[in-house]
């Protein structure tokens, strides 16, 4: 799994799918974690205009082409749709935060050759995020 995580983190920019304006939610903490680690990050949520001072994109298709890795913080049935959209966009790495994964979403990643992290690893732990 370490190799998968290193590959994920090698992207020059990241997307946070399910970004939240609520600082108590993981969709916000993951975004701030990227910011605190000086990473280029784009929040994605069709219902929001701004998150943590960043313009919020409405869908994965709006992500810039340098985004090769996305963190997904969505309900499992939404995650399954996200994988389809990510594949269409050319996303190479998907990190499903604990609770976002489903067997079908993981299998879709494997079928598409997408590097998937869905073993319960949390990016907040990996990069270090003060609660």
C-alpha atoms as a PDB file:
ATOM      1  CA  UNK A   1       0.000   0.000   0.000  1.00  0.00           C
ATOM      2  CA  UNK A   2       2.955   2.334   0.597  1.00  0.00           C
ATOM      3  CA  UNK A   3       3.755   2.318  -3.136  1.00  0.00           C
ATOM      4  CA  UNK A   4       0.130   3.179  -3.926  1.00  0.00           C
ATOM      5  CA  UNK A   5       0.230   6.102  -1.486  1.00  0.00           C
ATOM      6  CA  UNK A   6       3.554   7.398  -2.858  1.00  0.00           C
ATOM      7  CA  UNK A   7       2.129   7.254  -6.388  1.00  0.00           C
ATOM      8  CA  UNK A   8      -0.993   9.111  -5.212  1.00  0.00           C
ATOM      9  CA  UNK A   9       1.042  11.854  -3.529  1.00  0.00           C
ATOM     10  CA  UNK A  10       3.301  12.331  -6.576  1.00  0.00           C
ATOM     11  CA  UNK A  11       0.573  14.298  -8.413  1.00  0.00           C
ATOM     12  CA  UNK A  12       1.326  18.007  -8.843  1.00  0.00           C
ATOM     13  CA  UNK A  13      -2.300  18.886  -7.967  1.00  0.00           C
ATOM     14  CA  UNK A  14      -5.210  17.238  -6.177  1.00  0.00           C
ATOM     15  CA  UNK A  15      -8.998  17.275  -6.179  1.00  0.00           C
ATOM     16  CA  UNK A  16     -11.185  16.896  -3.110  1.00  0.00           C
ATOM     17  CA  UNK A  17     -14.488  15.372  -4.192  1.00  0.00           C
ATOM     18  CA  UNK A  18     -17.155  16.086  -1.603  1.00  0.00           C
ATOM     19  CA  UNK A  19     -15.429  19.213  -0.288  1.00  0.00           C
ATOM     20  CA  UNK A  20     -17.350  20.853   2.545  1.00  0.00           C
ATOM     21  CA  UNK A  21     -17.510  24.377   3.964  1.00  0.00           C
ATOM     22  CA  UNK A  22     -18.142  22.875   7.426  1.00  0.00           C
ATOM     23  CA  UNK A  23     -14.766  22.720   9.229  1.00  0.00           C
ATOM     24  CA  UNK A  24     -15.977  19.779  11.359  1.00  0.00           C
ATOM     25  CA  UNK A  25     -16.480  17.561   8.281  1.00  0.00           C
ATOM     26  CA  UNK A  26     -13.847  15.394   6.612  1.00  0.00           C
ATOM     27  CA  UNK A  27     -14.555  17.050   3.257  1.00  0.00           C
ATOM     28  CA  UNK A  28     -13.185  20.251   4.759  1.00  0.00           C
ATOM     29  CA  UNK A  29     -10.368  18.762   6.847  1.00  0.00           C
ATOM     30  CA  UNK A  30      -8.915  16.890   3.866  1.00  0.00           C
ATOM     31  CA  UNK A  31      -8.896  20.111   1.823  1.00  0.00           C
ATOM     32  CA  UNK A  32      -7.188  22.054   4.613  1.00  0.00           C
ATOM     33  CA  UNK A  33      -4.705  19.203   5.059  1.00  0.00           C
ATOM     34  CA  UNK A  34      -3.594  19.616   1.438  1.00  0.00           C
ATOM     35  CA  UNK A  35      -3.384  23.401   1.908  1.00  0.00           C
ATOM     36  CA  UNK A  36      -1.305  23.059   5.087  1.00  0.00           C
ATOM     37  CA  UNK A  37       1.074  20.742   3.233  1.00  0.00           C
ATOM     38  CA  UNK A  38       1.510  23.351   0.452  1.00  0.00           C
ATOM     39  CA  UNK A  39      -0.252  21.203  -2.141  1.00  0.00           C
ATOM     40  CA  UNK A  40      -2.247  22.601  -5.068  1.00  0.00           C
ATOM     41  CA  UNK A  41      -5.829  21.533  -4.387  1.00  0.00           C
ATOM     42  CA  UNK A  42      -9.239  22.011  -5.973  1.00  0.00           C
ATOM     43  CA  UNK A  43     -12.495  21.531  -4.053  1.00  0.00           C
ATOM     44  CA  UNK A  44     -15.314  19.820  -5.966  1.00  0.00           C
ATOM     45  CA  UNK A  45     -18.920  20.079  -4.815  1.00  0.00           C
ATOM     46  CA  UNK A  46     -21.840  20.962  -7.102  1.00  0.00           C
ATOM     47  CA  UNK A  47     -23.664  22.729  -4.249  1.00  0.00           C
ATOM     48  CA  UNK A  48     -20.942  25.168  -3.121  1.00  0.00           C
ATOM     49  CA  UNK A  49     -19.282  28.248  -4.638  1.00  0.00           C
ATOM     50  CA  UNK A  50     -16.291  28.565  -2.310  1.00  0.00           C
ATOM     51  CA  UNK A  51     -14.512  26.392   0.248  1.00  0.00           C
ATOM     52  CA  UNK A  52     -11.659  27.716   2.396  1.00  0.00           C
ATOM     53  CA  UNK A  53     -11.234  30.678   0.041  1.00  0.00           C
ATOM     54  CA  UNK A  54     -10.999  28.506  -3.084  1.00  0.00           C
ATOM     55  CA  UNK A  55     -13.498  28.531  -5.936  1.00  0.00           C
ATOM     56  CA  UNK A  56     -15.417  25.280  -5.828  1.00  0.00           C
ATOM     57  CA  UNK A  57     -15.678  23.285  -9.044  1.00  0.00           C
ATOM     58  CA  UNK A  58     -19.031  21.697  -9.847  1.00  0.00           C
ATOM     59  CA  UNK A  59     -17.729  18.390 -11.233  1.00  0.00           C
ATOM     60  CA  UNK A  60     -14.639  16.274 -11.886  1.00  0.00           C
ATOM     61  CA  UNK A  61     -14.766  17.265 -15.561  1.00  0.00           C
ATOM     62  CA  UNK A  62     -13.837  20.845 -14.526  1.00  0.00           C
ATOM     63  CA  UNK A  63     -10.574  19.777 -12.829  1.00  0.00           C
ATOM     64  CA  UNK A  64      -7.380  21.041 -14.531  1.00  0.00           C
ATOM     65  CA  UNK A  65      -5.415  18.430 -16.468  1.00  0.00           C
ATOM     66  CA  UNK A  66      -2.532  18.428 -13.934  1.00  0.00           C
ATOM     67  CA  UNK A  67      -4.837  16.849 -11.321  1.00  0.00           C
ATOM     68  CA  UNK A  68      -3.993  13.128 -11.397  1.00  0.00           C
ATOM     69  CA  UNK A  69      -5.088  12.278  -7.843  1.00  0.00           C
ATOM     70  CA  UNK A  70      -8.407  12.805  -6.083  1.00  0.00           C
ATOM     71  CA  UNK A  71      -9.554  12.296  -2.515  1.00  0.00           C
ATOM     72  CA  UNK A  72     -13.147  11.115  -2.341  1.00  0.00           C
ATOM     73  CA  UNK A  73     -15.337  11.919   0.653  1.00  0.00           C
ATOM     74  CA  UNK A  74     -18.795  10.927  -0.581  1.00  0.00           C
ATOM     75  CA  UNK A  75     -21.354   8.225   0.239  1.00  0.00           C
ATOM     76  CA  UNK A  76     -20.424   4.865  -1.372  1.00  0.00           C
ATOM     77  CA  UNK A  77     -23.153   4.992  -4.041  1.00  0.00           C
ATOM     78  CA  UNK A  78     -21.877   8.442  -5.122  1.00  0.00           C
ATOM     79  CA  UNK A  79     -18.275   7.174  -5.049  1.00  0.00           C
ATOM     80  CA  UNK A  80     -19.226   4.559  -7.647  1.00  0.00           C
ATOM     81  CA  UNK A  81     -20.347   7.374  -9.989  1.00  0.00           C
ATOM     82  CA  UNK A  82     -17.222   9.391  -9.144  1.00  0.00           C
ATOM     83  CA  UNK A  83     -15.003   6.520 -10.336  1.00  0.00           C
ATOM     84  CA  UNK A  84     -16.769   6.591 -13.730  1.00  0.00           C
ATOM     85  CA  UNK A  85     -16.276  10.369 -14.007  1.00  0.00           C
ATOM     86  CA  UNK A  86     -12.651  10.122 -12.869  1.00  0.00           C
ATOM     87  CA  UNK A  87     -11.916   7.447 -15.454  1.00  0.00           C
ATOM     88  CA  UNK A  88     -13.451   9.620 -18.198  1.00  0.00           C
ATOM     89  CA  UNK A  89     -11.261  12.557 -17.036  1.00  0.00           C
ATOM     90  CA  UNK A  90      -8.053  10.497 -16.968  1.00  0.00           C
ATOM     91  CA  UNK A  91      -7.580  10.560 -13.180  1.00  0.00           C
ATOM     92  CA  UNK A  92      -4.897   8.005 -12.267  1.00  0.00           C
ATOM     93  CA  UNK A  93      -5.209   7.810  -8.470  1.00  0.00           C
ATOM     94  CA  UNK A  94      -8.244   7.700  -6.188  1.00  0.00           C
ATOM     95  CA  UNK A  95      -8.078   7.756  -2.391  1.00  0.00           C
ATOM     96  CA  UNK A  96     -11.413   6.765  -0.893  1.00  0.00           C
ATOM     97  CA  UNK A  97     -11.536   8.123   2.631  1.00  0.00           C
ATOM     98  CA  UNK A  98     -12.860   5.603   5.174  1.00  0.00           C
ATOM     99  CA  UNK A  99     -16.628   5.338   4.692  1.00  0.00           C
ATOM    100  CA  UNK A 100     -16.580   6.434   1.032  1.00  0.00           C
ATOM    101  CA  UNK A 101     -15.541   3.080  -0.400  1.00  0.00           C
ATOM    102  CA  UNK A 102     -17.690   0.255  -1.709  1.00  0.00           C
ATOM    103  CA  UNK A 103     -16.696  -3.104  -3.216  1.00  0.00           C
ATOM    104  CA  UNK A 104     -18.117  -1.970  -6.579  1.00  0.00           C
ATOM    105  CA  UNK A 105     -16.217   1.349  -6.557  1.00  0.00           C
ATOM    106  CA  UNK A 106     -12.955  -0.456  -5.720  1.00  0.00           C
ATOM    107  CA  UNK A 107     -13.554  -3.062  -8.438  1.00  0.00           C
ATOM    108  CA  UNK A 108     -14.256  -0.331 -11.011  1.00  0.00           C
ATOM    109  CA  UNK A 109     -10.907   1.289 -10.161  1.00  0.00           C
ATOM    110  CA  UNK A 110      -9.128  -2.040 -10.597  1.00  0.00           C
ATOM    111  CA  UNK A 111     -10.924  -2.688 -13.898  1.00  0.00           C
ATOM    112  CA  UNK A 112      -9.907   0.757 -15.192  1.00  0.00           C
ATOM    113  CA  UNK A 113      -6.302   0.446 -13.987  1.00  0.00           C
ATOM    114  CA  UNK A 114      -6.722   3.294 -11.495  1.00  0.00           C
ATOM    115  CA  UNK A 115      -4.437   3.245  -8.450  1.00  0.00           C
ATOM    116  CA  UNK A 116      -6.904   2.963  -5.566  1.00  0.00           C
ATOM    117  CA  UNK A 117      -6.398   3.439  -1.837  1.00  0.00           C
ATOM    118  CA  UNK A 118      -9.427   2.151   0.047  1.00  0.00           C
ATOM    119  CA  UNK A 119      -8.003   0.059   2.861  1.00  0.00           C
ATOM    120  CA  UNK A 120      -9.071   2.381   5.657  1.00  0.00           C
ATOM    121  CA  UNK A 121      -5.962   4.560   5.308  1.00  0.00           C
ATOM    122  CA  UNK A 122      -6.692   8.208   6.026  1.00  0.00           C
ATOM    123  CA  UNK A 123      -4.820  10.996   4.272  1.00  0.00           C
ATOM    124  CA  UNK A 124      -5.138  13.137   7.417  1.00  0.00           C
ATOM    125  CA  UNK A 125      -3.029  10.567   9.263  1.00  0.00           C
ATOM    126  CA  UNK A 126      -0.603  10.094   6.358  1.00  0.00           C
ATOM    127  CA  UNK A 127       0.155  13.796   5.777  1.00  0.00           C
ATOM    128  CA  UNK A 128      -0.445  14.816   9.394  1.00  0.00           C
ATOM    129  CA  UNK A 129      -3.362  17.031  10.312  1.00  0.00           C
ATOM    130  CA  UNK A 130      -3.834  18.671  13.711  1.00  0.00           C
ATOM    131  CA  UNK A 131      -7.389  18.176  14.928  1.00  0.00           C
END
